[in-house]
N, C-alpha and C. Protein backbone atom coordinates (compact mmCIF):
# COMPACT_ATOMS: atom_id res chain seq x y z
N MET A 1 -7.62 -16.90 16.20
CA MET A 1 -8.49 -16.66 17.17
C MET A 1 -9.75 -16.16 16.87
N LYS A 2 -10.98 -16.58 17.38
CA LYS A 2 -12.01 -16.30 16.75
C LYS A 2 -12.86 -15.54 17.62
N ALA A 3 -13.75 -14.59 16.95
CA ALA A 3 -14.39 -13.64 17.76
C ALA A 3 -15.70 -13.39 17.29
N LYS A 4 -17.02 -12.85 17.84
CA LYS A 4 -18.14 -12.79 17.39
C LYS A 4 -17.95 -10.78 17.08
N ALA A 5 -18.57 -10.93 16.04
CA ALA A 5 -18.61 -9.57 15.27
C ALA A 5 -19.99 -9.40 14.60
N ALA A 6 -20.34 -7.96 15.10
CA ALA A 6 -21.79 -7.29 14.07
C ALA A 6 -20.97 -6.98 13.03
N VAL A 7 -21.32 -7.52 11.44
CA VAL A 7 -20.65 -6.96 10.06
C VAL A 7 -22.09 -6.28 9.37
N ALA A 8 -21.51 -5.11 8.90
CA ALA A 8 -22.25 -4.76 7.65
C ALA A 8 -22.10 -4.91 6.26
N TRP A 9 -23.10 -5.73 5.54
CA TRP A 9 -22.50 -5.97 4.27
C TRP A 9 -23.20 -5.06 3.48
N GLU A 10 -24.11 -4.59 3.91
CA GLU A 10 -24.84 -3.36 2.99
C GLU A 10 -25.24 -2.43 3.63
N THR A 11 -26.16 -1.59 3.15
CA THR A 11 -26.84 -0.41 3.88
C THR A 11 -28.25 -0.97 3.70
N LYS A 12 -29.20 -0.67 4.81
CA LYS A 12 -30.46 -0.75 4.85
C LYS A 12 -30.90 -1.99 5.22
N LYS A 13 -29.82 -2.69 5.65
CA LYS A 13 -30.10 -4.14 6.11
C LYS A 13 -29.53 -4.55 7.40
N PRO A 14 -30.26 -5.11 8.31
CA PRO A 14 -29.55 -5.81 9.74
C PRO A 14 -28.28 -6.13 9.36
N LEU A 15 -27.72 -6.05 10.59
CA LEU A 15 -26.33 -6.40 10.97
C LEU A 15 -26.17 -7.92 11.12
N PHE A 16 -25.16 -8.29 10.57
CA PHE A 16 -25.08 -10.00 10.67
C PHE A 16 -24.18 -10.39 11.67
N ILE A 17 -24.66 -11.26 12.45
CA ILE A 17 -23.67 -11.57 13.72
C ILE A 17 -22.84 -12.70 13.34
N GLU A 18 -21.52 -12.74 13.18
CA GLU A 18 -20.54 -13.69 12.52
C GLU A 18 -19.52 -13.99 13.36
N MET A 19 -18.76 -15.07 13.33
CA MET A 19 -17.22 -15.44 13.81
C MET A 19 -16.50 -14.95 12.95
N ILE A 20 -15.28 -14.06 13.47
CA ILE A 20 -14.21 -13.80 12.52
C ILE A 20 -12.89 -14.11 12.96
N ASP A 21 -11.85 -14.21 12.33
CA ASP A 21 -10.45 -14.52 12.69
C ASP A 21 -10.23 -12.90 13.14
N VAL A 22 -9.39 -12.96 14.53
CA VAL A 22 -8.68 -11.82 15.02
C VAL A 22 -7.43 -12.33 15.07
N GLU A 23 -6.19 -11.58 15.39
CA GLU A 23 -4.82 -11.88 16.16
C GLU A 23 -5.17 -11.63 17.59
N GLY A 24 -4.49 -12.95 18.35
CA GLY A 24 -4.38 -12.58 19.61
C GLY A 24 -3.50 -11.29 20.27
N PRO A 25 -3.65 -11.48 21.46
CA PRO A 25 -2.82 -10.18 22.04
C PRO A 25 -1.63 -10.15 21.73
N LYS A 26 -0.67 -9.32 21.32
CA LYS A 26 0.78 -9.30 21.06
C LYS A 26 1.49 -9.03 22.87
N GLU A 27 2.82 -8.82 22.69
CA GLU A 27 3.46 -8.81 23.83
C GLU A 27 2.95 -7.64 24.24
N GLY A 28 2.91 -7.34 25.63
CA GLY A 28 2.23 -5.94 26.18
C GLY A 28 0.93 -5.57 25.89
N GLU A 29 0.16 -6.32 25.36
CA GLU A 29 -1.37 -6.07 25.26
C GLU A 29 -2.16 -7.21 26.20
N VAL A 30 -3.19 -6.56 26.61
CA VAL A 30 -4.36 -7.51 26.98
C VAL A 30 -5.43 -7.97 26.23
N LEU A 31 -6.20 -9.00 26.39
CA LEU A 31 -7.31 -9.34 26.02
C LEU A 31 -8.11 -9.25 27.11
N LEU A 32 -9.58 -8.52 26.65
CA LEU A 32 -10.84 -8.18 27.33
C LEU A 32 -11.70 -8.77 26.79
N LYS A 33 -12.61 -9.14 27.82
CA LYS A 33 -14.11 -9.94 26.92
C LYS A 33 -15.09 -9.01 27.40
N VAL A 34 -15.65 -8.56 25.90
CA VAL A 34 -16.75 -7.80 26.12
C VAL A 34 -18.09 -8.36 26.39
N ILE A 35 -18.97 -7.86 27.32
CA ILE A 35 -19.93 -8.49 27.67
C ILE A 35 -21.23 -7.81 26.90
N ALA A 36 -21.11 -6.28 26.88
CA ALA A 36 -22.18 -5.63 26.01
C ALA A 36 -21.65 -4.63 25.33
N SER A 37 -22.30 -4.59 24.21
CA SER A 37 -22.03 -3.13 23.56
C SER A 37 -22.99 -2.47 22.64
N GLY A 38 -23.06 -1.21 21.99
CA GLY A 38 -23.73 -0.59 21.54
C GLY A 38 -23.70 -0.07 20.05
N VAL A 39 -24.73 0.47 19.55
CA VAL A 39 -24.46 1.13 18.05
C VAL A 39 -24.25 2.60 18.25
N CYS A 40 -23.47 3.36 18.14
CA CYS A 40 -23.36 4.84 18.42
C CYS A 40 -24.20 5.20 17.08
N HIS A 41 -24.64 6.71 17.34
CA HIS A 41 -25.15 7.11 15.89
C HIS A 41 -24.75 7.41 14.56
N THR A 42 -23.14 7.25 14.86
CA THR A 42 -22.78 7.49 13.59
C THR A 42 -22.87 6.37 12.71
N ASP A 43 -22.76 4.69 13.51
CA ASP A 43 -22.79 4.26 12.66
C ASP A 43 -24.53 3.67 12.08
N ALA A 44 -25.27 3.89 13.29
CA ALA A 44 -26.73 3.81 12.58
C ALA A 44 -27.01 4.87 11.39
N PHE A 45 -26.52 5.70 11.48
CA PHE A 45 -26.66 7.04 10.14
C PHE A 45 -26.00 6.24 8.95
N THR A 46 -24.81 5.61 9.20
CA THR A 46 -23.79 5.19 8.21
C THR A 46 -24.81 3.72 7.28
N LEU A 47 -25.41 2.66 8.47
CA LEU A 47 -26.24 1.74 7.98
C LEU A 47 -27.41 2.16 7.22
N SER A 48 -28.07 3.58 7.64
CA SER A 48 -29.38 4.05 7.19
C SER A 48 -29.04 4.09 5.84
N GLY A 49 -28.07 4.26 5.12
CA GLY A 49 -27.39 4.61 3.70
C GLY A 49 -27.42 5.79 3.36
N GLU A 50 -27.72 7.24 4.34
CA GLU A 50 -28.19 8.44 4.10
C GLU A 50 -26.35 8.77 3.64
N CYS A 51 -25.52 8.41 3.85
CA CYS A 51 -24.31 9.24 4.08
C CYS A 51 -23.13 8.23 2.33
N VAL A 52 -23.79 7.39 1.67
CA VAL A 52 -23.35 6.79 0.73
C VAL A 52 -23.00 7.56 -0.32
N PRO A 53 -21.66 7.71 -0.88
CA PRO A 53 -21.10 6.54 -1.08
C PRO A 53 -19.89 6.24 -0.31
N LEU A 54 -19.71 7.26 0.63
CA LEU A 54 -18.49 7.75 1.34
C LEU A 54 -18.40 6.52 2.59
N CYS A 55 -19.33 5.97 3.29
CA CYS A 55 -19.20 5.17 4.18
C CYS A 55 -19.07 3.66 4.01
N ILE A 56 -19.79 3.07 3.23
CA ILE A 56 -19.47 1.53 3.24
C ILE A 56 -18.98 1.01 2.00
N ARG A 57 -17.83 0.53 1.67
CA ARG A 57 -17.08 0.27 0.81
C ARG A 57 -17.86 -0.74 -0.25
N ARG A 58 -18.01 -0.90 -1.36
CA ARG A 58 -18.72 -1.51 -2.00
C ARG A 58 -17.85 -2.93 -2.60
């Protein structure tokens, strides 16, 4: 199954919106449609490069 994702490939760069492969729901799980989402402060801090080398794998 495909899903749209905001992907960080490197710090100090914009997020890339990409289609990724994800597993569908398993027995006992449900699939939800997310209409909107935000970026939390921790995500923004990580993307800023301030906490390298621990935050983004290279």
